[in-house]
Amino acid sequence: MLACVVLPVTTEQFTAPPLGEAYTLMFGFTQPRSRGAIRLASADPKASPLIDPNYLAEAYDREVYLEALAAAQAVGGAVALADWRAAEMLPGPAVESRKERLAFLEKAAFTHHHPVGSCRMGRDGAAVVGPDLRLHGIEGLHVCDASVMPASPPAR
């Protein structure tokens, strides 16, 4: 996937340029194999959960993400956009080797669309919600989004 955003978008690992001074070509893919986890930090309902996205844990994901980066750079560097850009800021022209590109991707990876699989549906003890979408253990609370889906639908 490739999307042009007219704002500078970065993870907390980078300092974004001021608004109006950059645009972002967001890139990614919709069928990652890596799986993260969300866990309760404590019994306190006000405590933030422990979130480990575990991005790029699978070799397949690293390879596809490298391809997505190359595609975004090809589009961003196209002659047709020459009047619209000054220079690539991230990862920048100095980031060339596979090792450097992977290091950049580890810092740049984030979920930007359609998270799924964080609220397992089922009847067993590992399920977060039941088939009726009621959250187990909390009366009157339902989950009604794609988080109950086990995986992203296939891209078409």
N, C-alpha and C. Protein backbone atom coordinates (compact mmCIF):
# COMPACT_ATOMS: atom_id res chain seq x y z
N MET A 1 0.85 -1.18 0.00
CA MET A 1 0.00 0.00 0.00
C MET A 1 0.89 1.23 0.00
N LEU A 2 0.44 2.23 -0.70
CA LEU A 2 1.14 3.50 -0.74
C LEU A 2 0.11 4.61 -0.62
N ALA A 3 0.36 5.56 0.26
CA ALA A 3 -0.56 6.68 0.45
C ALA A 3 0.24 7.96 0.62
N CYS A 4 -0.23 9.01 0.00
CA CYS A 4 0.42 10.31 0.15
C CYS A 4 -0.35 11.10 1.20
N VAL A 5 0.37 11.58 2.19
CA VAL A 5 -0.21 12.38 3.26
C VAL A 5 0.46 13.74 3.20
N VAL A 6 -0.31 14.81 3.19
CA VAL A 6 0.26 16.13 3.01
C VAL A 6 0.86 16.72 4.29
N LEU A 7 1.07 15.87 5.27
CA LEU A 7 1.72 16.25 6.53
C LEU A 7 2.93 15.36 6.76
N PRO A 8 3.89 15.84 7.51
CA PRO A 8 4.99 14.95 7.89
C PRO A 8 4.49 13.96 8.95
N VAL A 9 4.62 12.67 8.68
CA VAL A 9 4.18 11.63 9.61
C VAL A 9 5.39 10.77 9.96
N THR A 10 5.69 10.65 11.24
CA THR A 10 6.80 9.82 11.69
C THR A 10 6.40 9.10 12.97
N THR A 11 7.17 8.10 13.33
CA THR A 11 7.02 7.48 14.63
C THR A 11 7.76 8.34 15.66
N GLU A 12 7.63 7.99 16.92
CA GLU A 12 8.31 8.73 17.98
C GLU A 12 9.83 8.58 17.91
N GLN A 13 10.32 7.72 17.05
CA GLN A 13 11.76 7.51 16.89
C GLN A 13 12.43 8.63 16.08
N PHE A 14 11.63 9.47 15.42
CA PHE A 14 12.15 10.52 14.56
C PHE A 14 11.56 11.87 14.95
N THR A 15 12.26 12.92 14.61
CA THR A 15 11.73 14.27 14.79
C THR A 15 11.11 14.70 13.47
N ALA A 16 9.84 14.97 13.49
CA ALA A 16 9.13 15.37 12.27
C ALA A 16 9.45 16.83 11.96
N PRO A 17 9.56 17.15 10.69
CA PRO A 17 9.74 18.56 10.33
C PRO A 17 8.47 19.34 10.63
N PRO A 18 8.57 20.66 10.70
CA PRO A 18 7.37 21.47 10.97
C PRO A 18 6.30 21.27 9.90
N LEU A 19 5.06 21.48 10.30
CA LEU A 19 3.94 21.38 9.35
C LEU A 19 4.18 22.33 8.18
N GLY A 20 3.85 21.85 7.00
CA GLY A 20 4.01 22.65 5.81
C GLY A 20 5.37 22.53 5.15
N GLU A 21 6.30 21.82 5.79
CA GLU A 21 7.65 21.70 5.23
C GLU A 21 7.95 20.32 4.66
N ALA A 22 6.99 19.41 4.73
CA ALA A 22 7.22 18.06 4.19
C ALA A 22 5.90 17.36 3.99
N TYR A 23 5.93 16.34 3.18
CA TYR A 23 4.80 15.43 3.01
C TYR A 23 5.33 14.02 3.24
N THR A 24 4.44 13.08 3.37
CA THR A 24 4.84 11.71 3.67
C THR A 24 4.25 10.76 2.64
N LEU A 25 5.08 9.87 2.13
CA LEU A 25 4.58 8.74 1.37
C LEU A 25 4.57 7.56 2.34
N MET A 26 3.40 7.28 2.88
CA MET A 26 3.26 6.15 3.80
C MET A 26 3.25 4.88 2.95
N PHE A 27 3.89 3.84 3.44
CA PHE A 27 3.95 2.59 2.70
C PHE A 27 3.83 1.44 3.68
N GLY A 28 3.33 0.34 3.19
CA GLY A 28 3.19 -0.84 4.04
C GLY A 28 2.55 -1.97 3.26
N PHE A 29 2.07 -2.96 4.00
CA PHE A 29 1.43 -4.10 3.37
C PHE A 29 0.36 -4.61 4.30
N THR A 30 -0.60 -5.34 3.73
CA THR A 30 -1.80 -5.68 4.49
C THR A 30 -1.85 -7.08 5.06
N GLN A 31 -0.87 -7.91 4.76
CA GLN A 31 -0.92 -9.29 5.24
C GLN A 31 0.36 -9.66 5.99
N PRO A 32 0.70 -8.95 7.07
CA PRO A 32 1.92 -9.32 7.80
C PRO A 32 1.76 -10.68 8.49
N ARG A 33 2.87 -11.34 8.66
CA ARG A 33 2.87 -12.63 9.36
C ARG A 33 3.27 -12.46 10.83
N SER A 34 3.96 -11.40 11.16
CA SER A 34 4.35 -11.15 12.56
C SER A 34 3.10 -10.89 13.38
N ARG A 35 3.13 -11.33 14.63
CA ARG A 35 2.01 -11.13 15.53
C ARG A 35 2.50 -10.52 16.83
N GLY A 36 1.77 -9.53 17.30
CA GLY A 36 2.09 -8.89 18.55
C GLY A 36 1.18 -9.39 19.65
N ALA A 37 1.17 -8.66 20.75
CA ALA A 37 0.34 -9.05 21.89
C ALA A 37 -0.08 -7.82 22.68
N ILE A 38 -1.28 -7.89 23.24
CA ILE A 38 -1.78 -6.88 24.17
C ILE A 38 -2.10 -7.62 25.46
N ARG A 39 -1.53 -7.15 26.56
CA ARG A 39 -1.74 -7.81 27.86
C ARG A 39 -2.13 -6.78 28.91
N LEU A 40 -2.85 -7.23 29.90
CA LEU A 40 -3.17 -6.36 31.02
C LEU A 40 -1.90 -6.14 31.84
N ALA A 41 -1.70 -4.90 32.27
CA ALA A 41 -0.54 -4.58 33.10
C ALA A 41 -0.83 -4.95 34.55
N SER A 42 -2.11 -4.87 34.93
CA SER A 42 -2.50 -5.19 36.30
C SER A 42 -4.02 -5.35 36.34
N ALA A 43 -4.56 -5.58 37.51
CA ALA A 43 -6.00 -5.69 37.68
C ALA A 43 -6.67 -4.31 37.70
N ASP A 44 -5.88 -3.24 37.76
CA ASP A 44 -6.41 -1.88 37.78
C ASP A 44 -6.93 -1.52 36.39
N PRO A 45 -8.23 -1.27 36.23
CA PRO A 45 -8.77 -0.96 34.90
C PRO A 45 -8.25 0.36 34.33
N LYS A 46 -7.66 1.21 35.17
CA LYS A 46 -7.12 2.49 34.71
C LYS A 46 -5.67 2.36 34.24
N ALA A 47 -5.05 1.23 34.50
CA ALA A 47 -3.66 1.03 34.08
C ALA A 47 -3.61 0.79 32.57
N SER A 48 -2.67 1.44 31.92
CA SER A 48 -2.51 1.24 30.48
C SER A 48 -2.10 -0.20 30.19
N PRO A 49 -2.59 -0.76 29.10
CA PRO A 49 -2.21 -2.14 28.77
C PRO A 49 -0.76 -2.20 28.30
N LEU A 50 -0.20 -3.39 28.33
CA LEU A 50 1.14 -3.63 27.79
C LEU A 50 0.97 -4.03 26.34
N ILE A 51 1.51 -3.23 25.45
CA ILE A 51 1.34 -3.47 24.01
C ILE A 51 2.70 -3.75 23.38
N ASP A 52 2.82 -4.91 22.77
CA ASP A 52 4.02 -5.26 22.02
C ASP A 52 3.60 -5.59 20.60
N PRO A 53 3.77 -4.65 19.65
CA PRO A 53 3.32 -4.92 18.29
C PRO A 53 4.17 -5.98 17.59
N ASN A 54 5.39 -6.17 18.02
CA ASN A 54 6.27 -7.21 17.47
C ASN A 54 6.43 -7.09 15.96
N TYR A 55 6.47 -5.83 15.49
CA TYR A 55 6.62 -5.59 14.05
C TYR A 55 7.87 -6.26 13.51
N LEU A 56 7.78 -6.76 12.34
CA LEU A 56 8.91 -7.29 11.58
C LEU A 56 9.61 -8.46 12.24
N ALA A 57 8.92 -9.21 13.08
CA ALA A 57 9.51 -10.38 13.71
C ALA A 57 9.75 -11.49 12.68
N GLU A 58 8.90 -11.57 11.68
CA GLU A 58 9.01 -12.61 10.66
C GLU A 58 9.85 -12.12 9.48
N ALA A 59 10.71 -12.99 8.97
CA ALA A 59 11.57 -12.65 7.83
C ALA A 59 10.75 -12.20 6.62
N TYR A 60 9.62 -12.86 6.39
CA TYR A 60 8.75 -12.49 5.27
C TYR A 60 8.36 -11.02 5.36
N ASP A 61 7.98 -10.56 6.54
CA ASP A 61 7.55 -9.17 6.73
C ASP A 61 8.69 -8.20 6.45
N ARG A 62 9.89 -8.54 6.87
CA ARG A 62 11.04 -7.67 6.60
C ARG A 62 11.27 -7.55 5.09
N GLU A 63 11.16 -8.66 4.37
CA GLU A 63 11.38 -8.63 2.92
C GLU A 63 10.32 -7.79 2.21
N VAL A 64 9.06 -8.01 2.57
CA VAL A 64 7.97 -7.26 1.92
C VAL A 64 8.08 -5.78 2.27
N TYR A 65 8.45 -5.48 3.50
CA TYR A 65 8.58 -4.07 3.91
C TYR A 65 9.74 -3.39 3.18
N LEU A 66 10.82 -4.12 2.93
CA LEU A 66 11.92 -3.57 2.12
C LEU A 66 11.43 -3.26 0.71
N GLU A 67 10.62 -4.14 0.14
CA GLU A 67 10.05 -3.90 -1.19
C GLU A 67 9.12 -2.68 -1.18
N ALA A 68 8.34 -2.54 -0.13
CA ALA A 68 7.42 -1.40 -0.03
C ALA A 68 8.21 -0.09 0.09
N LEU A 69 9.30 -0.10 0.85
CA LEU A 69 10.15 1.08 0.95
C LEU A 69 10.72 1.45 -0.41
N ALA A 70 11.21 0.47 -1.14
CA ALA A 70 11.77 0.73 -2.48
C ALA A 70 10.71 1.31 -3.41
N ALA A 71 9.49 0.79 -3.35
CA ALA A 71 8.40 1.30 -4.19
C ALA A 71 8.08 2.75 -3.83
N ALA A 72 8.01 3.05 -2.53
CA ALA A 72 7.72 4.41 -2.09
C ALA A 72 8.83 5.37 -2.54
N GLN A 73 10.07 4.93 -2.45
CA GLN A 73 11.17 5.78 -2.88
C GLN A 73 11.15 5.99 -4.39
N ALA A 74 10.76 4.97 -5.14
CA ALA A 74 10.67 5.11 -6.59
C ALA A 74 9.59 6.12 -6.96
N VAL A 75 8.44 6.05 -6.31
CA VAL A 75 7.37 7.01 -6.57
C VAL A 75 7.82 8.40 -6.13
N GLY A 76 8.35 8.51 -4.92
CA GLY A 76 8.78 9.81 -4.40
C GLY A 76 9.88 10.45 -5.23
N GLY A 77 10.71 9.64 -5.84
CA GLY A 77 11.81 10.14 -6.66
C GLY A 77 11.47 10.30 -8.12
N ALA A 78 10.23 10.06 -8.49
CA ALA A 78 9.82 10.13 -9.89
C ALA A 78 9.95 11.55 -10.44
N VAL A 79 10.28 11.64 -11.70
CA VAL A 79 10.41 12.93 -12.39
C VAL A 79 9.13 13.75 -12.25
N ALA A 80 7.98 13.07 -12.30
CA ALA A 80 6.70 13.78 -12.22
C ALA A 80 6.53 14.56 -10.92
N LEU A 81 7.24 14.18 -9.86
CA LEU A 81 7.13 14.88 -8.58
C LEU A 81 8.30 15.84 -8.32
N ALA A 82 9.16 16.03 -9.31
CA ALA A 82 10.36 16.84 -9.12
C ALA A 82 10.05 18.27 -8.66
N ASP A 83 8.99 18.87 -9.18
CA ASP A 83 8.64 20.24 -8.78
C ASP A 83 7.99 20.30 -7.40
N TRP A 84 7.61 19.16 -6.88
CA TRP A 84 6.86 19.11 -5.62
C TRP A 84 7.75 18.77 -4.43
N ARG A 85 8.94 18.35 -4.67
CA ARG A 85 9.80 17.91 -3.56
C ARG A 85 11.14 18.62 -3.64
N ALA A 86 11.80 18.65 -2.49
CA ALA A 86 13.18 19.14 -2.44
C ALA A 86 14.10 17.93 -2.35
N ALA A 87 14.02 17.22 -1.24
CA ALA A 87 14.89 16.05 -1.05
C ALA A 87 14.22 15.06 -0.10
N GLU A 88 14.56 13.80 -0.26
CA GLU A 88 14.05 12.77 0.66
C GLU A 88 14.66 12.98 2.03
N MET A 89 13.81 13.03 3.05
CA MET A 89 14.28 13.25 4.42
C MET A 89 14.49 11.93 5.15
N LEU A 90 13.51 11.04 5.04
CA LEU A 90 13.59 9.74 5.71
C LEU A 90 13.29 8.64 4.71
N PRO A 91 14.07 7.61 4.62
CA PRO A 91 15.29 7.39 5.40
C PRO A 91 16.45 8.26 4.95
N GLY A 92 16.34 8.87 3.78
CA GLY A 92 17.40 9.73 3.27
C GLY A 92 18.34 8.98 2.35
N PRO A 93 19.04 9.71 1.50
CA PRO A 93 19.90 9.08 0.49
C PRO A 93 21.10 8.33 1.06
N ALA A 94 21.50 8.63 2.29
CA ALA A 94 22.67 7.96 2.88
C ALA A 94 22.35 6.55 3.35
N VAL A 95 21.06 6.22 3.50
CA VAL A 95 20.65 4.89 3.97
C VAL A 95 20.53 3.99 2.74
N GLU A 96 21.56 3.21 2.48
CA GLU A 96 21.60 2.42 1.25
C GLU A 96 21.67 0.91 1.49
N SER A 97 22.46 0.47 2.45
CA SER A 97 22.66 -0.97 2.62
C SER A 97 21.41 -1.63 3.17
N ARG A 98 21.30 -2.91 2.95
CA ARG A 98 20.18 -3.69 3.49
C ARG A 98 20.10 -3.54 5.00
N LYS A 99 21.23 -3.62 5.67
CA LYS A 99 21.27 -3.51 7.13
C LYS A 99 20.75 -2.14 7.58
N GLU A 100 21.19 -1.08 6.91
CA GLU A 100 20.74 0.28 7.25
C GLU A 100 19.25 0.45 6.97
N ARG A 101 18.79 -0.11 5.86
CA ARG A 101 17.38 0.02 5.51
C ARG A 101 16.50 -0.73 6.50
N LEU A 102 16.93 -1.92 6.92
CA LEU A 102 16.17 -2.66 7.94
C LEU A 102 16.17 -1.93 9.27
N ALA A 103 17.29 -1.33 9.64
CA ALA A 103 17.35 -0.56 10.89
C ALA A 103 16.37 0.62 10.84
N PHE A 104 16.30 1.28 9.67
CA PHE A 104 15.33 2.36 9.51
C PHE A 104 13.91 1.83 9.65
N LEU A 105 13.60 0.73 8.97
CA LEU A 105 12.25 0.18 9.02
C LEU A 105 11.85 -0.23 10.42
N GLU A 106 12.78 -0.74 11.22
CA GLU A 106 12.46 -1.10 12.61
C GLU A 106 12.02 0.12 13.40
N LYS A 107 12.59 1.28 13.10
CA LYS A 107 12.20 2.51 13.79
C LYS A 107 10.94 3.13 13.19
N ALA A 108 10.72 2.90 11.91
CA ALA A 108 9.62 3.55 11.20
C ALA A 108 8.31 2.77 11.26
N ALA A 109 8.37 1.48 11.56
CA ALA A 109 7.17 0.64 11.51
C ALA A 109 6.12 1.07 12.52
N PHE A 110 4.89 1.14 12.05
CA PHE A 110 3.75 1.38 12.93
C PHE A 110 2.48 0.94 12.22
N THR A 111 1.43 0.76 12.98
CA THR A 111 0.14 0.40 12.41
C THR A 111 -0.56 1.68 12.02
N HIS A 112 -0.98 1.76 10.77
CA HIS A 112 -1.68 2.97 10.36
C HIS A 112 -3.06 2.70 9.82
N HIS A 113 -3.40 1.45 9.60
CA HIS A 113 -4.74 1.15 9.09
C HIS A 113 -5.19 -0.24 9.54
N HIS A 114 -6.43 -0.34 9.87
CA HIS A 114 -7.15 -1.59 9.98
C HIS A 114 -6.54 -2.65 10.90
N PRO A 115 -6.23 -2.32 12.15
CA PRO A 115 -5.74 -3.37 13.04
C PRO A 115 -6.81 -4.44 13.27
N VAL A 116 -6.39 -5.67 13.27
CA VAL A 116 -7.28 -6.80 13.50
C VAL A 116 -6.64 -7.75 14.50
N GLY A 117 -7.44 -8.64 15.04
CA GLY A 117 -6.93 -9.74 15.84
C GLY A 117 -6.56 -9.41 17.27
N SER A 118 -6.92 -8.24 17.78
CA SER A 118 -6.54 -7.89 19.15
C SER A 118 -7.61 -8.24 20.17
N CYS A 119 -8.78 -8.68 19.72
CA CYS A 119 -9.90 -9.01 20.62
C CYS A 119 -10.53 -10.32 20.15
N ARG A 120 -9.84 -11.41 20.39
CA ARG A 120 -10.27 -12.71 19.87
C ARG A 120 -11.71 -13.04 20.25
N MET A 121 -12.47 -13.50 19.26
CA MET A 121 -13.85 -13.91 19.47
C MET A 121 -13.91 -15.42 19.63
N GLY A 122 -14.70 -15.89 20.56
CA GLY A 122 -14.87 -17.33 20.72
C GLY A 122 -15.58 -17.68 22.01
N ARG A 123 -15.70 -18.98 22.25
CA ARG A 123 -16.39 -19.47 23.45
C ARG A 123 -15.41 -20.01 24.49
N ASP A 124 -14.13 -20.14 24.12
CA ASP A 124 -13.17 -20.72 25.06
C ASP A 124 -12.55 -19.65 25.96
N GLY A 125 -11.74 -20.08 26.91
CA GLY A 125 -11.14 -19.18 27.90
C GLY A 125 -10.15 -18.19 27.33
N ALA A 126 -9.64 -18.43 26.14
CA ALA A 126 -8.68 -17.51 25.53
C ALA A 126 -9.37 -16.38 24.77
N ALA A 127 -10.68 -16.49 24.56
CA ALA A 127 -11.42 -15.48 23.80
C ALA A 127 -11.71 -14.26 24.67
N VAL A 128 -11.65 -13.10 24.06
CA VAL A 128 -11.94 -11.84 24.74
C VAL A 128 -13.43 -11.51 24.66
N VAL A 129 -14.03 -11.82 23.52
CA VAL A 129 -15.46 -11.58 23.33
C VAL A 129 -16.13 -12.86 22.86
N GLY A 130 -17.42 -12.95 23.13
CA GLY A 130 -18.21 -14.09 22.67
C GLY A 130 -18.75 -13.85 21.27
N PRO A 131 -19.42 -14.84 20.70
CA PRO A 131 -20.01 -14.70 19.36
C PRO A 131 -21.02 -13.55 19.27
N ASP A 132 -21.56 -13.11 20.40
CA ASP A 132 -22.50 -11.98 20.43
C ASP A 132 -21.78 -10.64 20.58
N LEU A 133 -20.44 -10.65 20.56
CA LEU A 133 -19.58 -9.48 20.68
C LEU A 133 -19.55 -8.86 22.08
N ARG A 134 -20.11 -9.57 23.07
CA ARG A 134 -20.05 -9.08 24.45
C ARG A 134 -18.66 -9.38 25.02
N LEU A 135 -18.08 -8.39 25.66
CA LEU A 135 -16.79 -8.56 26.29
C LEU A 135 -16.95 -9.45 27.51
N HIS A 136 -16.16 -10.52 27.58
CA HIS A 136 -16.23 -11.43 28.73
C HIS A 136 -15.83 -10.69 30.01
N GLY A 137 -16.65 -10.80 31.03
CA GLY A 137 -16.32 -10.29 32.35
C GLY A 137 -16.74 -8.86 32.62
N ILE A 138 -17.27 -8.15 31.62
CA ILE A 138 -17.72 -6.78 31.85
C ILE A 138 -19.13 -6.64 31.28
N GLU A 139 -20.08 -6.44 32.14
CA GLU A 139 -21.49 -6.35 31.76
C GLU A 139 -21.74 -5.11 30.92
N GLY A 140 -22.47 -5.28 29.81
CA GLY A 140 -22.90 -4.17 28.99
C GLY A 140 -21.87 -3.61 28.02
N LEU A 141 -20.71 -4.24 27.90
CA LEU A 141 -19.68 -3.75 26.99
C LEU A 141 -19.54 -4.70 25.80
N HIS A 142 -19.62 -4.16 24.61
CA HIS A 142 -19.49 -4.92 23.37
C HIS A 142 -18.32 -4.38 22.56
N VAL A 143 -17.72 -5.23 21.76
CA VAL A 143 -16.66 -4.82 20.84
C VAL A 143 -17.23 -4.95 19.44
N CYS A 144 -17.26 -3.87 18.71
CA CYS A 144 -17.90 -3.86 17.39
C CYS A 144 -16.97 -3.25 16.35
N ASP A 145 -15.82 -3.85 16.16
CA ASP A 145 -14.91 -3.38 15.11
C ASP A 145 -14.08 -4.55 14.61
N ALA A 146 -13.14 -4.27 13.74
CA ALA A 146 -12.35 -5.32 13.11
C ALA A 146 -11.39 -6.03 14.06
N SER A 147 -11.26 -5.56 15.28
CA SER A 147 -10.36 -6.22 16.22
C SER A 147 -10.81 -7.65 16.54
N VAL A 148 -12.08 -7.97 16.30
CA VAL A 148 -12.57 -9.33 16.54
C VAL A 148 -12.24 -10.27 15.39
N MET A 149 -11.83 -9.71 14.25
CA MET A 149 -11.49 -10.54 13.09
C MET A 149 -10.11 -11.18 13.33
N PRO A 150 -9.94 -12.43 12.97
CA PRO A 150 -8.65 -13.09 13.24
C PRO A 150 -7.53 -12.60 12.34
N ALA A 151 -7.84 -12.08 11.16
CA ALA A 151 -6.81 -11.62 10.22
C ALA A 151 -7.42 -10.60 9.27
N SER A 152 -6.56 -9.80 8.65
CA SER A 152 -7.02 -8.85 7.64
C SER A 152 -7.59 -9.61 6.44
N PRO A 153 -8.68 -9.11 5.87
CA PRO A 153 -9.17 -9.75 4.65
C PRO A 153 -8.10 -9.66 3.54
N PRO A 154 -8.07 -10.63 2.67
CA PRO A 154 -7.07 -10.60 1.59
C PRO A 154 -7.23 -9.37 0.71
N ALA A 155 -6.10 -8.81 0.27
CA ALA A 155 -6.13 -7.67 -0.64
C ALA A 155 -6.67 -8.12 -1.99
N ARG A 156 -7.39 -7.28 -2.63
CA ARG A 156 -7.95 -7.63 -3.95
C ARG A 156 -7.42 -6.70 -5.00
